Amino acid sequence: MSERWAMIVGFGVILNALSGFAESNVATPADLGKGQAAAVICAACHGGDGNSAIAVNPNLAGQHAQYITKQLMNYKSGERKNEIMQGMVASLATDQDMKNVAAYFAAQKPRPGIARDKALVDAGQKIYRGGDAKTGIPACAGCHSPNGVGIPAQYPRLAGQMKEYTLAQLKAFKAGERANDNAAMMRTIASRLSDKQMEALAEYVAGLQ
């Protein structure tokens, strides 16, 4: 075999190998039907369509699929701590199972939230949109967007989220109890928020649409 021919054959082998690698790593599309079936176990806490009826449990309807998938994976790995969720996610055997569930909830229509305390809403709006230069608190809108829809994967949708849940997460970041999702940044921000400011932010985002 000539040297030139050997090079051609070798190059062809490499191309075939790369092609096979690429095909094997193509993401499998999420299956909403399978996701809905698997999400039955989530209904008691998050509602069948992802709109929770329990204040301390988050709404999942309309949340970014990438973000939900990441949370499920973090619960499964133990990076995010919650005994109930870690038990629930154990039934999702593969990453694809988690992607299917996430895609199902992401496709559901979120129910509009309600903010009830105008004074808290006004205070929360100022921090959410403009931050607090005196204490070094950045505007939440910079990462979660002005209307609270967030940025897929990295920054979650906050609009319409349960006040009690949002407040609990801010407190968890402040206490150092939550270690995933830009934890260093969120811990720093939360550490500069007073209890009243956290309550105001939670009230404000509950009414965002």
Protein backbone atom coordinates (compact mmCIF):
# COMPACT_ATOMS: atom_id res chain seq x y z
CA MET A 1 0.00 0.00 0.00
CA SER A 2 1.42 3.36 -0.98
CA GLU A 3 2.03 5.98 1.68
CA ARG A 4 -0.51 8.28 0.02
CA TRP A 5 -3.17 5.55 -0.06
CA ALA A 6 -2.47 4.68 3.56
CA MET A 7 -3.01 8.31 4.51
CA ILE A 8 -6.34 8.39 2.62
CA VAL A 9 -7.54 5.18 4.30
CA GLY A 10 -6.41 6.42 7.70
CA PHE A 11 -8.19 9.73 7.20
CA GLY A 12 -11.36 7.87 6.25
CA VAL A 13 -11.18 5.78 9.42
CA ILE A 14 -10.84 8.95 11.50
CA LEU A 15 -13.83 10.55 9.75
CA ASN A 16 -15.95 7.45 10.37
CA ALA A 17 -14.96 7.43 14.01
CA LEU A 18 -15.76 11.11 14.44
CA SER A 19 -19.08 10.63 12.67
CA GLY A 20 -20.03 7.78 14.97
CA PHE A 21 -18.99 9.84 18.00
CA ALA A 22 -21.12 12.76 16.88
CA GLU A 23 -24.15 10.55 16.24
CA SER A 24 -23.82 8.90 19.62
CA ASN A 25 -23.73 12.29 21.34
CA VAL A 26 -26.70 13.90 19.65
CA ALA A 27 -29.13 14.88 22.39
CA THR A 28 -32.26 12.79 22.40
CA PRO A 29 -35.33 15.04 22.15
CA ALA A 30 -37.49 15.19 25.26
CA ASP A 31 -40.64 13.07 25.20
CA LEU A 32 -43.52 15.08 26.69
CA GLY A 33 -45.76 12.01 26.92
CA LYS A 34 -43.22 10.12 28.98
CA GLY A 35 -42.54 13.27 30.96
CA GLN A 36 -46.22 13.63 31.85
CA ALA A 37 -46.41 10.00 32.92
CA ALA A 38 -43.33 10.31 35.11
CA ALA A 39 -44.54 13.64 36.55
CA VAL A 40 -47.45 11.89 38.29
CA ILE A 41 -45.23 11.52 41.35
CA CYS A 42 -44.71 15.31 41.38
CA ALA A 43 -48.40 16.23 41.33
CA ALA A 44 -49.06 16.01 45.07
CA CYS A 45 -46.52 18.74 45.81
CA HIS A 46 -46.31 20.75 42.58
CA GLY A 47 -49.72 20.22 40.99
CA GLY A 48 -50.47 18.05 37.97
CA ASP A 49 -49.69 20.90 35.60
CA GLY A 50 -46.86 22.38 37.66
CA ASN A 51 -48.97 25.06 39.35
CA SER A 52 -48.51 24.34 43.01
CA ALA A 53 -51.34 24.72 45.52
CA ILE A 54 -48.90 24.55 48.43
CA ALA A 55 -47.15 27.82 49.22
CA VAL A 56 -43.80 26.33 50.22
CA ASN A 57 -43.53 24.22 47.08
CA PRO A 58 -42.45 26.01 43.89
CA ASN A 59 -44.46 26.41 40.74
CA LEU A 60 -42.83 24.47 37.91
CA ALA A 61 -45.19 25.40 35.08
CA GLY A 62 -43.37 27.52 32.51
CA GLN A 63 -40.01 27.14 34.25
CA HIS A 64 -37.06 26.63 31.91
CA ALA A 65 -36.61 22.95 31.05
CA GLN A 66 -32.83 23.24 31.35
CA TYR A 67 -33.17 24.72 34.82
CA ILE A 68 -35.57 22.04 36.05
CA THR A 69 -33.33 19.32 34.63
CA LYS A 70 -30.35 20.80 36.45
CA GLN A 71 -32.24 20.90 39.74
CA LEU A 72 -33.29 17.27 39.41
CA MET A 73 -29.72 16.27 38.63
CA ASN A 74 -28.44 18.31 41.57
CA TYR A 75 -30.91 16.62 43.93
CA LYS A 76 -29.87 13.23 42.62
CA SER A 77 -26.16 13.97 43.06
CA GLY A 78 -26.73 15.52 46.48
CA GLU A 79 -25.42 18.91 45.38
CA ARG A 80 -28.78 20.35 46.39
CA LYS A 81 -30.12 19.05 49.67
CA ASN A 82 -33.73 18.09 50.33
CA GLU A 83 -34.67 14.69 51.69
CA ILE A 84 -38.09 14.62 50.04
CA MET A 85 -36.79 15.65 46.63
CA GLN A 86 -33.83 13.30 46.82
CA GLY A 87 -36.26 10.48 47.51
CA MET A 88 -38.55 11.49 44.66
CA VAL A 89 -35.83 11.91 42.07
CA ALA A 90 -34.58 8.41 42.80
CA SER A 91 -37.49 7.14 40.68
CA LEU A 92 -36.08 8.98 37.65
CA ALA A 93 -33.49 6.45 36.60
CA THR A 94 -31.77 8.29 33.74
CA ASP A 95 -30.89 11.82 32.68
CA GLN A 96 -33.39 11.42 29.87
CA ASP A 97 -36.16 10.70 32.38
CA MET A 98 -35.34 13.98 34.10
CA LYS A 99 -35.27 15.86 30.79
CA ASN A 100 -38.67 14.44 29.88
CA VAL A 101 -40.24 15.59 33.16
CA ALA A 102 -38.60 19.00 32.87
CA ALA A 103 -39.84 19.47 29.32
CA TYR A 104 -43.37 18.54 30.36
CA PHE A 105 -43.52 21.14 33.13
CA ALA A 106 -41.82 23.77 30.97
CA ALA A 107 -44.57 23.34 28.38
CA GLN A 108 -47.36 24.00 30.89
CA LYS A 109 -48.98 27.43 31.24
CA PRO A 110 -48.04 29.15 34.51
CA ARG A 111 -50.91 30.49 36.57
CA PRO A 112 -50.60 34.25 37.27
CA GLY A 113 -49.32 34.97 40.73
CA ILE A 114 -50.73 37.48 43.18
CA ALA A 115 -48.97 40.14 45.23
CA ARG A 116 -51.13 41.38 48.09
CA ASP A 117 -49.10 43.94 50.03
CA LYS A 118 -48.62 47.17 48.04
CA ALA A 119 -46.01 48.60 50.40
CA LEU A 120 -43.90 45.44 50.09
CA VAL A 121 -44.40 45.39 46.32
CA ASP A 122 -43.15 48.97 46.00
CA ALA A 123 -40.10 48.25 48.15
CA GLY A 124 -39.39 45.00 46.32
CA GLN A 125 -39.72 46.64 42.92
CA LYS A 126 -37.04 49.20 43.76
CA ILE A 127 -34.54 46.51 44.71
CA TYR A 128 -35.49 44.15 41.89
CA ARG A 129 -35.13 46.82 39.21
CA GLY A 130 -32.45 49.07 40.64
CA GLY A 131 -30.69 47.21 43.43
CA ASP A 132 -29.31 49.08 46.43
CA ALA A 133 -26.06 50.93 45.80
CA LYS A 134 -25.53 51.68 49.50
CA THR A 135 -25.31 48.01 50.45
CA GLY A 136 -23.90 46.72 47.17
CA ILE A 137 -27.01 44.82 46.13
CA PRO A 138 -27.29 44.50 42.32
CA ALA A 139 -30.60 44.68 40.49
CA CYS A 140 -32.23 41.25 40.32
CA ALA A 141 -33.48 42.14 36.83
CA GLY A 142 -29.93 41.89 35.52
CA CYS A 143 -30.00 38.10 35.79
CA HIS A 144 -33.68 37.25 36.10
CA SER A 145 -34.81 39.83 33.49
CA PRO A 146 -37.11 42.82 34.09
CA ASN A 147 -40.27 40.73 33.75
CA GLY A 148 -38.93 37.85 35.81
CA VAL A 149 -38.74 35.24 33.05
CA GLY A 150 -35.05 34.61 33.71
CA ILE A 151 -32.39 33.18 31.44
CA PRO A 152 -32.61 29.45 30.57
CA ALA A 153 -30.38 27.01 32.48
CA GLN A 154 -28.53 29.60 34.54
CA TYR A 155 -31.16 31.92 35.97
CA PRO A 156 -34.68 30.64 36.74
CA ARG A 157 -38.03 32.17 36.01
CA LEU A 158 -39.20 34.03 39.11
CA ALA A 159 -42.39 35.64 37.80
CA GLY A 160 -45.42 34.36 39.68
CA GLN A 161 -43.39 32.16 41.99
CA MET A 162 -44.82 31.48 45.43
CA LYS A 163 -43.78 34.19 47.90
CA GLU A 164 -43.10 31.67 50.66
CA TYR A 165 -40.88 29.58 48.40
CA THR A 166 -38.84 32.53 47.10
CA LEU A 167 -38.37 33.84 50.62
CA ALA A 168 -37.24 30.41 51.83
CA GLN A 169 -34.63 30.19 49.06
CA LEU A 170 -33.24 33.65 49.80
CA LYS A 171 -32.93 32.67 53.47
CA ALA A 172 -31.27 29.38 52.50
CA PHE A 173 -28.68 31.22 50.42
CA LYS A 174 -28.09 33.70 53.24
CA ALA A 175 -27.62 30.91 55.77
CA GLY A 176 -25.29 29.01 53.42
CA GLU A 177 -27.70 26.08 53.28
CA ARG A 178 -28.07 26.13 49.50
CA ALA A 179 -24.91 25.44 47.53
CA ASN A 180 -25.99 25.17 43.89
CA ASP A 181 -27.02 27.70 41.22
CA ASN A 182 -24.47 30.51 41.37
CA ALA A 183 -24.33 29.92 45.11
CA ALA A 184 -21.35 32.21 45.74
CA MET A 185 -23.07 35.15 44.05
CA MET A 186 -26.47 34.47 45.59
CA ARG A 187 -25.00 33.99 49.06
CA THR A 188 -23.22 37.33 48.79
CA ILE A 189 -26.36 39.10 47.60
CA ALA A 190 -28.61 37.44 50.17
CA SER A 191 -26.16 38.25 52.98
CA ARG A 192 -26.67 41.94 52.22
CA LEU A 193 -30.46 41.72 52.24
CA SER A 194 -32.39 42.40 55.42
CA ASP A 195 -35.30 40.15 56.33
CA LYS A 196 -37.68 42.91 55.28
CA GLN A 197 -35.95 43.32 51.91
CA MET A 198 -36.15 39.60 51.26
CA GLU A 199 -39.84 39.60 52.09
CA ALA A 200 -40.37 42.60 49.80
CA LEU A 201 -38.59 40.90 46.89
CA ALA A 202 -40.54 37.69 47.39
CA GLU A 203 -43.82 39.65 47.43
CA TYR A 204 -42.87 41.58 44.30
CA VAL A 205 -41.86 38.61 42.14
CA ALA A 206 -45.03 36.76 43.16
CA GLY A 207 -47.03 39.35 41.25
CA LEU A 208 -44.76 39.62 38.22
CA GLN A 209 -46.30 38.43 34.96
